[in-house]
Amino acid sequence: MRYLPSETPEKALQQCLEITAADAGDAFKYALVGGSIFHFFKGLCRSPDGARLAGAWHAMGVNAPRVAGKFGAWFGLSAVVDNALGYARQKDDHWNYIASNIIPTVLLCMHRGRAATARWASLAAVYSVATQLSLPILQRFEAEFNEKYGDNTK
């Protein structure tokens, strides 16, 4: 999710749409796999004896697409907000990332009420800020490691 400056507004819009579709699709795929595994084992544990495999298969089939859809919607909306902020502000910085995590969380949690929305938005804000604060530290450690042991990633 990044703002890509280009020669024409049409090309910039096309790039934003491609990035949004790719992010939402990747999130859907990863959540479908993870949700399938999680709900399979959850259904396996909660099903009665003699019907464990059928119960696990049913729980996976019912719940995994729902989880994947929610993740896809959140990441798609996050990509839209990130690209819109990058286009409006004409720069790609950490504030875009923080806002692009908080705004979709608020929009997708509003049906739960004010208290739940405030809790989830606060959690998204803390997560986003912690991620942005930890990135320079991780990059410094990576640079020190590559300096000491050589860069074998090429």
N, C-alpha and C. Protein backbone atom coordinates (compact mmCIF):
# COMPACT_ATOMS: atom_id res chain seq x y z
N MET A 1 0.83 -1.17 0.00
CA MET A 1 0.00 0.00 0.00
C MET A 1 0.88 1.24 0.00
N ARG A 2 1.04 1.81 -1.17
CA ARG A 2 1.89 2.96 -1.27
C ARG A 2 1.42 3.86 -2.39
N TYR A 3 1.70 5.11 -2.22
CA TYR A 3 1.35 6.08 -3.25
C TYR A 3 2.44 6.07 -4.30
N LEU A 4 2.07 5.89 -5.54
CA LEU A 4 3.03 5.85 -6.63
C LEU A 4 2.77 7.03 -7.56
N PRO A 5 3.64 8.05 -7.54
CA PRO A 5 3.43 9.17 -8.44
C PRO A 5 3.64 8.73 -9.89
N SER A 6 2.86 9.26 -10.78
CA SER A 6 3.00 8.91 -12.19
C SER A 6 2.74 10.14 -13.05
N GLU A 7 2.88 9.94 -14.37
CA GLU A 7 2.76 11.06 -15.30
C GLU A 7 1.33 11.58 -15.39
N THR A 8 0.37 10.68 -15.39
CA THR A 8 -1.02 11.09 -15.59
C THR A 8 -1.89 10.64 -14.43
N PRO A 9 -2.98 11.36 -14.17
CA PRO A 9 -3.89 10.94 -13.12
C PRO A 9 -4.54 9.59 -13.40
N GLU A 10 -4.76 9.29 -14.69
CA GLU A 10 -5.38 8.01 -15.04
C GLU A 10 -4.46 6.84 -14.70
N LYS A 11 -3.16 7.03 -14.96
CA LYS A 11 -2.20 5.97 -14.64
C LYS A 11 -2.06 5.80 -13.13
N ALA A 12 -2.09 6.92 -12.39
CA ALA A 12 -2.02 6.85 -10.93
C ALA A 12 -3.24 6.12 -10.38
N LEU A 13 -4.42 6.40 -10.93
CA LEU A 13 -5.64 5.72 -10.50
C LEU A 13 -5.56 4.24 -10.80
N GLN A 14 -5.06 3.88 -11.98
CA GLN A 14 -4.91 2.48 -12.35
C GLN A 14 -3.97 1.75 -11.40
N GLN A 15 -2.85 2.40 -11.04
CA GLN A 15 -1.90 1.80 -10.11
C GLN A 15 -2.54 1.62 -8.73
N CYS A 16 -3.29 2.60 -8.29
CA CYS A 16 -3.96 2.50 -6.98
C CYS A 16 -4.97 1.35 -6.97
N LEU A 17 -5.72 1.22 -8.06
CA LEU A 17 -6.70 0.14 -8.14
C LEU A 17 -6.03 -1.23 -8.15
N GLU A 18 -4.92 -1.34 -8.86
CA GLU A 18 -4.19 -2.61 -8.89
C GLU A 18 -3.64 -2.97 -7.53
N ILE A 19 -3.09 -1.99 -6.83
CA ILE A 19 -2.55 -2.22 -5.49
C ILE A 19 -3.67 -2.62 -4.52
N THR A 20 -4.80 -1.93 -4.61
CA THR A 20 -5.93 -2.24 -3.73
C THR A 20 -6.45 -3.65 -3.98
N ALA A 21 -6.63 -4.02 -5.23
CA ALA A 21 -7.12 -5.36 -5.55
C ALA A 21 -6.13 -6.42 -5.12
N ALA A 22 -4.85 -6.17 -5.32
CA ALA A 22 -3.84 -7.14 -4.92
C ALA A 22 -3.80 -7.32 -3.40
N ASP A 23 -3.86 -6.21 -2.66
CA ASP A 23 -3.84 -6.30 -1.19
C ASP A 23 -5.07 -7.02 -0.65
N ALA A 24 -6.24 -6.67 -1.18
CA ALA A 24 -7.46 -7.32 -0.71
C ALA A 24 -7.47 -8.80 -1.07
N GLY A 25 -7.03 -9.13 -2.26
CA GLY A 25 -6.99 -10.53 -2.67
C GLY A 25 -6.00 -11.35 -1.87
N ASP A 26 -4.82 -10.78 -1.61
CA ASP A 26 -3.84 -11.49 -0.79
C ASP A 26 -4.36 -11.71 0.62
N ALA A 27 -4.98 -10.69 1.20
CA ALA A 27 -5.53 -10.83 2.55
C ALA A 27 -6.62 -11.89 2.58
N PHE A 28 -7.47 -11.92 1.55
CA PHE A 28 -8.52 -12.93 1.49
C PHE A 28 -7.92 -14.32 1.42
N LYS A 29 -6.91 -14.51 0.58
CA LYS A 29 -6.29 -15.84 0.44
C LYS A 29 -5.64 -16.29 1.74
N TYR A 30 -4.86 -15.42 2.37
CA TYR A 30 -4.18 -15.79 3.60
C TYR A 30 -5.17 -16.07 4.72
N ALA A 31 -6.20 -15.26 4.82
CA ALA A 31 -7.21 -15.47 5.86
C ALA A 31 -8.03 -16.72 5.58
N LEU A 32 -8.25 -17.05 4.32
CA LEU A 32 -8.98 -18.27 3.99
C LEU A 32 -8.19 -19.50 4.43
N VAL A 33 -6.90 -19.51 4.18
CA VAL A 33 -6.07 -20.64 4.60
C VAL A 33 -5.99 -20.70 6.12
N GLY A 34 -5.66 -19.56 6.75
CA GLY A 34 -5.56 -19.53 8.21
C GLY A 34 -6.88 -19.82 8.90
N GLY A 35 -7.96 -19.23 8.39
CA GLY A 35 -9.28 -19.47 8.97
C GLY A 35 -9.72 -20.91 8.79
N SER A 36 -9.37 -21.52 7.66
CA SER A 36 -9.72 -22.92 7.43
C SER A 36 -9.03 -23.82 8.45
N ILE A 37 -7.74 -23.59 8.64
CA ILE A 37 -6.99 -24.40 9.61
C ILE A 37 -7.54 -24.20 11.01
N PHE A 38 -7.74 -22.94 11.40
CA PHE A 38 -8.21 -22.65 12.75
C PHE A 38 -9.59 -23.26 13.00
N HIS A 39 -10.53 -23.03 12.09
CA HIS A 39 -11.89 -23.52 12.31
C HIS A 39 -12.00 -25.02 12.13
N PHE A 40 -11.11 -25.63 11.35
CA PHE A 40 -11.10 -27.09 11.25
C PHE A 40 -10.77 -27.70 12.61
N PHE A 41 -9.69 -27.22 13.23
CA PHE A 41 -9.31 -27.76 14.53
C PHE A 41 -10.30 -27.38 15.63
N LYS A 42 -10.88 -26.20 15.53
CA LYS A 42 -11.90 -25.80 16.50
C LYS A 42 -13.12 -26.70 16.38
N GLY A 43 -13.55 -26.98 15.15
CA GLY A 43 -14.67 -27.88 14.94
C GLY A 43 -14.35 -29.30 15.33
N LEU A 44 -13.10 -29.71 15.14
CA LEU A 44 -12.66 -31.05 15.53
C LEU A 44 -12.77 -31.22 17.04
N CYS A 45 -12.39 -30.21 17.78
CA CYS A 45 -12.43 -30.29 19.25
C CYS A 45 -13.85 -30.18 19.80
N ARG A 46 -14.71 -29.41 19.16
CA ARG A 46 -16.05 -29.15 19.70
C ARG A 46 -17.12 -30.11 19.20
N SER A 47 -16.79 -30.95 18.25
CA SER A 47 -17.79 -31.89 17.73
C SER A 47 -17.91 -33.11 18.64
N PRO A 48 -19.09 -33.74 18.64
CA PRO A 48 -19.26 -34.93 19.47
C PRO A 48 -18.48 -36.12 18.91
N ASP A 49 -18.23 -37.09 19.77
CA ASP A 49 -17.53 -38.30 19.34
C ASP A 49 -18.31 -38.98 18.22
N GLY A 50 -17.60 -39.49 17.25
CA GLY A 50 -18.23 -40.16 16.13
C GLY A 50 -18.54 -39.25 14.97
N ALA A 51 -18.55 -37.96 15.18
CA ALA A 51 -18.83 -37.02 14.10
C ALA A 51 -17.80 -35.89 14.09
N ARG A 52 -16.62 -36.19 14.57
CA ARG A 52 -15.60 -35.14 14.69
C ARG A 52 -15.14 -34.63 13.32
N LEU A 53 -14.86 -35.54 12.41
CA LEU A 53 -14.37 -35.11 11.11
C LEU A 53 -15.45 -34.34 10.34
N ALA A 54 -16.68 -34.81 10.40
CA ALA A 54 -17.78 -34.11 9.72
C ALA A 54 -18.02 -32.74 10.36
N GLY A 55 -17.95 -32.68 11.68
CA GLY A 55 -18.13 -31.41 12.38
C GLY A 55 -17.01 -30.43 12.08
N ALA A 56 -15.78 -30.95 11.99
CA ALA A 56 -14.64 -30.09 11.66
C ALA A 56 -14.77 -29.55 10.24
N TRP A 57 -15.16 -30.42 9.32
CA TRP A 57 -15.33 -30.00 7.93
C TRP A 57 -16.44 -28.96 7.80
N HIS A 58 -17.54 -29.17 8.53
CA HIS A 58 -18.65 -28.23 8.50
C HIS A 58 -18.25 -26.88 9.09
N ALA A 59 -17.57 -26.89 10.23
CA ALA A 59 -17.13 -25.64 10.87
C ALA A 59 -16.18 -24.88 9.96
N MET A 60 -15.31 -25.60 9.30
CA MET A 60 -14.37 -24.96 8.38
C MET A 60 -15.12 -24.34 7.19
N GLY A 61 -16.05 -25.07 6.62
CA GLY A 61 -16.78 -24.58 5.46
C GLY A 61 -17.68 -23.40 5.76
N VAL A 62 -18.21 -23.34 6.98
CA VAL A 62 -19.12 -22.25 7.35
C VAL A 62 -18.35 -21.00 7.77
N ASN A 63 -17.30 -21.17 8.55
CA ASN A 63 -16.66 -20.02 9.17
C ASN A 63 -15.47 -19.45 8.41
N ALA A 64 -14.72 -20.27 7.70
CA ALA A 64 -13.51 -19.77 7.03
C ALA A 64 -13.82 -18.71 5.96
N PRO A 65 -14.84 -18.87 5.11
CA PRO A 65 -15.13 -17.80 4.14
C PRO A 65 -15.57 -16.49 4.80
N ARG A 66 -16.25 -16.58 5.92
CA ARG A 66 -16.67 -15.38 6.64
C ARG A 66 -15.46 -14.62 7.16
N VAL A 67 -14.52 -15.35 7.76
CA VAL A 67 -13.30 -14.72 8.28
C VAL A 67 -12.48 -14.12 7.13
N ALA A 68 -12.36 -14.86 6.03
CA ALA A 68 -11.59 -14.38 4.89
C ALA A 68 -12.24 -13.13 4.28
N GLY A 69 -13.56 -13.10 4.22
CA GLY A 69 -14.25 -11.92 3.70
C GLY A 69 -14.02 -10.69 4.55
N LYS A 70 -14.02 -10.88 5.87
CA LYS A 70 -13.77 -9.74 6.75
C LYS A 70 -12.35 -9.22 6.59
N PHE A 71 -11.37 -10.13 6.51
CA PHE A 71 -9.99 -9.70 6.32
C PHE A 71 -9.82 -9.02 4.96
N GLY A 72 -10.43 -9.59 3.93
CA GLY A 72 -10.34 -8.98 2.61
C GLY A 72 -10.95 -7.59 2.57
N ALA A 73 -12.10 -7.43 3.22
CA ALA A 73 -12.76 -6.12 3.26
C ALA A 73 -11.91 -5.12 4.03
N TRP A 74 -11.34 -5.53 5.16
CA TRP A 74 -10.54 -4.61 5.96
C TRP A 74 -9.28 -4.19 5.19
N PHE A 75 -8.57 -5.15 4.62
CA PHE A 75 -7.35 -4.80 3.90
C PHE A 75 -7.65 -4.02 2.62
N GLY A 76 -8.75 -4.33 1.95
CA GLY A 76 -9.12 -3.54 0.78
C GLY A 76 -9.44 -2.10 1.14
N LEU A 77 -10.22 -1.93 2.20
CA LEU A 77 -10.54 -0.57 2.65
C LEU A 77 -9.30 0.15 3.15
N SER A 78 -8.41 -0.57 3.78
CA SER A 78 -7.16 0.01 4.25
C SER A 78 -6.32 0.48 3.07
N ALA A 79 -6.27 -0.31 2.01
CA ALA A 79 -5.51 0.09 0.83
C ALA A 79 -6.13 1.32 0.16
N VAL A 80 -7.45 1.37 0.12
CA VAL A 80 -8.13 2.53 -0.47
C VAL A 80 -7.81 3.79 0.33
N VAL A 81 -7.90 3.70 1.65
CA VAL A 81 -7.61 4.86 2.49
C VAL A 81 -6.15 5.27 2.36
N ASP A 82 -5.24 4.30 2.35
CA ASP A 82 -3.82 4.61 2.22
C ASP A 82 -3.52 5.30 0.90
N ASN A 83 -4.06 4.77 -0.18
CA ASN A 83 -3.84 5.39 -1.49
C ASN A 83 -4.49 6.76 -1.59
N ALA A 84 -5.68 6.92 -1.01
CA ALA A 84 -6.35 8.22 -1.04
C ALA A 84 -5.57 9.25 -0.24
N LEU A 85 -5.06 8.86 0.92
CA LEU A 85 -4.27 9.79 1.71
C LEU A 85 -2.96 10.14 1.02
N GLY A 86 -2.33 9.16 0.40
CA GLY A 86 -1.10 9.43 -0.34
C GLY A 86 -1.33 10.36 -1.51
N TYR A 87 -2.44 10.16 -2.20
CA TYR A 87 -2.76 11.03 -3.34
C TYR A 87 -3.13 12.43 -2.86
N ALA A 88 -3.89 12.53 -1.79
CA ALA A 88 -4.32 13.85 -1.29
C ALA A 88 -3.15 14.62 -0.68
N ARG A 89 -2.29 13.93 0.04
CA ARG A 89 -1.17 14.61 0.71
C ARG A 89 0.08 14.69 -0.16
N GLN A 90 0.10 13.96 -1.27
CA GLN A 90 1.24 13.92 -2.20
C GLN A 90 2.53 13.46 -1.54
N LYS A 91 2.40 12.58 -0.54
CA LYS A 91 3.58 11.95 0.05
C LYS A 91 3.17 10.66 0.73
N ASP A 92 4.15 9.80 0.90
CA ASP A 92 3.92 8.50 1.52
C ASP A 92 4.76 8.44 2.79
N ASP A 93 4.11 8.62 3.93
CA ASP A 93 4.84 8.60 5.18
C ASP A 93 4.10 7.76 6.21
N HIS A 94 4.62 7.75 7.42
CA HIS A 94 4.06 6.89 8.47
C HIS A 94 2.66 7.32 8.91
N TRP A 95 2.29 8.57 8.73
CA TRP A 95 0.95 9.01 9.13
C TRP A 95 -0.12 8.40 8.24
N ASN A 96 0.20 8.20 6.97
CA ASN A 96 -0.75 7.53 6.08
C ASN A 96 -1.01 6.10 6.56
N TYR A 97 0.05 5.40 6.95
CA TYR A 97 -0.09 4.02 7.43
C TYR A 97 -0.94 3.97 8.70
N ILE A 98 -0.67 4.87 9.62
CA ILE A 98 -1.42 4.88 10.89
C ILE A 98 -2.90 5.17 10.62
N ALA A 99 -3.18 6.19 9.82
CA ALA A 99 -4.57 6.52 9.51
C ALA A 99 -5.24 5.42 8.71
N SER A 100 -4.49 4.75 7.82
CA SER A 100 -5.10 3.71 7.00
C SER A 100 -5.37 2.44 7.78
N ASN A 101 -4.91 2.34 9.00
CA ASN A 101 -5.31 1.24 9.88
C ASN A 101 -6.46 1.63 10.79
N ILE A 102 -6.50 2.87 11.20
CA ILE A 102 -7.54 3.31 12.14
C ILE A 102 -8.88 3.53 11.43
N ILE A 103 -8.86 4.20 10.29
CA ILE A 103 -10.12 4.56 9.61
C ILE A 103 -10.93 3.33 9.19
N PRO A 104 -10.33 2.31 8.55
CA PRO A 104 -11.14 1.13 8.22
C PRO A 104 -11.66 0.40 9.44
N THR A 105 -10.87 0.39 10.50
CA THR A 105 -11.32 -0.25 11.73
C THR A 105 -12.56 0.44 12.27
N VAL A 106 -12.55 1.76 12.27
CA VAL A 106 -13.70 2.52 12.73
C VAL A 106 -14.91 2.27 11.83
N LEU A 107 -14.70 2.33 10.53
CA LEU A 107 -15.82 2.15 9.60
C LEU A 107 -16.43 0.76 9.68
N LEU A 108 -15.61 -0.26 9.86
CA LEU A 108 -16.13 -1.62 9.90
C LEU A 108 -16.63 -2.05 11.27
N CYS A 109 -16.34 -1.26 12.31
CA CYS A 109 -16.81 -1.61 13.66
C CYS A 109 -17.95 -0.73 14.14
N MET A 110 -18.40 0.22 13.35
CA MET A 110 -19.43 1.15 13.80
C MET A 110 -20.75 0.46 14.14
N HIS A 111 -21.03 -0.68 13.53
CA HIS A 111 -22.29 -1.36 13.81
C HIS A 111 -22.31 -1.98 15.20
N ARG A 112 -21.15 -2.07 15.84
CA ARG A 112 -21.06 -2.67 17.19
C ARG A 112 -21.35 -1.67 18.31
N GLY A 113 -21.38 -0.39 17.98
CA GLY A 113 -21.64 0.62 18.99
C GLY A 113 -20.41 1.48 19.25
N ARG A 114 -20.62 2.54 19.99
CA ARG A 114 -19.55 3.50 20.24
C ARG A 114 -18.42 2.93 21.08
N ALA A 115 -18.77 2.21 22.13
CA ALA A 115 -17.73 1.69 23.03
C ALA A 115 -16.83 0.69 22.32
N ALA A 116 -17.43 -0.24 21.60
CA ALA A 116 -16.63 -1.24 20.88
C ALA A 116 -15.80 -0.59 19.78
N THR A 117 -16.38 0.39 19.10
CA THR A 117 -15.65 1.08 18.05
C THR A 117 -14.46 1.82 18.63
N ALA A 118 -14.65 2.47 19.76
CA ALA A 118 -13.55 3.19 20.41
C ALA A 118 -12.45 2.23 20.86
N ARG A 119 -12.84 1.07 21.40
CA ARG A 119 -11.84 0.08 21.83
C ARG A 119 -11.03 -0.44 20.64
N TRP A 120 -11.72 -0.81 19.56
CA TRP A 120 -11.02 -1.35 18.40
C TRP A 120 -10.17 -0.28 17.72
N ALA A 121 -10.66 0.94 17.66
CA ALA A 121 -9.88 2.02 17.07
C ALA A 121 -8.63 2.30 17.90
N SER A 122 -8.77 2.26 19.21
CA SER A 122 -7.61 2.45 20.08
C SER A 122 -6.59 1.34 19.89
N LEU A 123 -7.08 0.11 19.78
CA LEU A 123 -6.18 -1.02 19.55
C LEU A 123 -5.47 -0.87 18.20
N ALA A 124 -6.20 -0.47 17.17
CA ALA A 124 -5.59 -0.26 15.85
C ALA A 124 -4.56 0.86 15.89
N ALA A 125 -4.84 1.92 16.65
CA ALA A 125 -3.89 3.02 16.77
C ALA A 125 -2.62 2.58 17.47
N VAL A 126 -2.77 1.85 18.56
CA VAL A 126 -1.59 1.36 19.30
C VAL A 126 -0.78 0.42 18.43
N TYR A 127 -1.45 -0.48 17.73
CA TYR A 127 -0.75 -1.41 16.85
C TYR A 127 -0.01 -0.67 15.74
N SER A 128 -0.65 0.30 15.13
CA SER A 128 -0.04 1.04 14.02
C SER A 128 1.16 1.85 14.48
N VAL A 129 1.01 2.52 15.60
CA VAL A 129 2.12 3.33 16.12
C VAL A 129 3.27 2.43 16.54
N ALA A 130 2.97 1.32 17.20
CA ALA A 130 4.03 0.39 17.60
C ALA A 130 4.76 -0.17 16.40
N THR A 131 4.03 -0.48 15.35
CA THR A 131 4.66 -0.98 14.13
C THR A 131 5.57 0.08 13.52
N GLN A 132 5.09 1.30 13.44
CA GLN A 132 5.89 2.36 12.84
C GLN A 132 7.11 2.72 13.69
N LEU A 133 6.99 2.59 15.01
CA LEU A 133 8.14 2.87 15.87
C LEU A 133 9.16 1.75 15.84
N SER A 134 8.73 0.53 15.60
CA SER A 134 9.66 -0.60 15.61
C SER A 134 10.39 -0.78 14.29
N LEU A 135 9.87 -0.24 13.20
CA LEU A 135 10.51 -0.42 11.90
C LEU A 135 11.94 0.13 11.83
N PRO A 136 12.22 1.35 12.31
CA PRO A 136 13.61 1.82 12.26
C PRO A 136 14.56 0.97 13.10
N ILE A 137 14.08 0.46 14.21
CA ILE A 137 14.91 -0.39 15.05
C ILE A 137 15.24 -1.68 14.32
N LEU A 138 14.23 -2.29 13.70
CA LEU A 138 14.46 -3.51 12.94
C LEU A 138 15.38 -3.27 11.75
N GLN A 139 15.23 -2.14 11.08
CA GLN A 139 16.10 -1.84 9.96
C GLN A 139 17.54 -1.63 10.41
N ARG A 140 17.72 -1.03 11.57
CA ARG A 140 19.08 -0.85 12.09
C ARG A 140 19.71 -2.19 12.43
N PHE A 141 18.95 -3.08 13.08
CA PHE A 141 19.47 -4.41 13.38
C PHE A 141 19.79 -5.19 12.11
N GLU A 142 18.95 -5.06 11.11
CA GLU A 142 19.20 -5.74 9.85
C GLU A 142 20.48 -5.21 9.19
N ALA A 143 20.68 -3.90 9.22
CA ALA A 143 21.89 -3.31 8.64
C ALA A 143 23.13 -3.77 9.40
N GLU A 144 23.06 -3.81 10.73
CA GLU A 144 24.19 -4.29 11.52
C GLU A 144 24.48 -5.76 11.25
N PHE A 145 23.45 -6.55 11.11
CA PHE A 145 23.63 -7.98 10.83
C PHE A 145 24.26 -8.17 9.46
N ASN A 146 23.76 -7.44 8.46
CA ASN A 146 24.33 -7.55 7.12
C ASN A 146 25.76 -7.06 7.06
N GLU A 147 26.08 -6.02 7.85
CA GLU A 147 27.44 -5.52 7.89
C GLU A 147 28.38 -6.54 8.52
N LYS A 148 27.89 -7.22 9.55
CA LYS A 148 28.73 -8.16 10.27
C LYS A 148 28.87 -9.49 9.53
N TYR A 149 27.78 -10.02 9.01
CA TYR A 149 27.79 -11.36 8.42
C TYR A 149 27.69 -11.35 6.90
N GLY A 150 27.53 -10.20 6.30
CA GLY A 150 27.40 -10.14 4.86
C GLY A 150 25.97 -10.28 4.42
N ASP A 151 25.65 -9.73 3.30
CA ASP A 151 24.28 -9.78 2.79
C ASP A 151 24.15 -10.98 1.87
N ASN A 152 23.51 -12.04 2.35
CA ASN A 152 23.33 -13.27 1.57
C ASN A 152 21.97 -13.36 0.92
N THR A 153 21.22 -12.27 0.88
CA THR A 153 19.87 -12.30 0.32
C THR A 153 19.87 -12.13 -1.19
N LYS A 154 21.01 -11.83 -1.79
CA LYS A 154 21.04 -11.58 -3.25
C LYS A 154 21.28 -12.86 -4.01
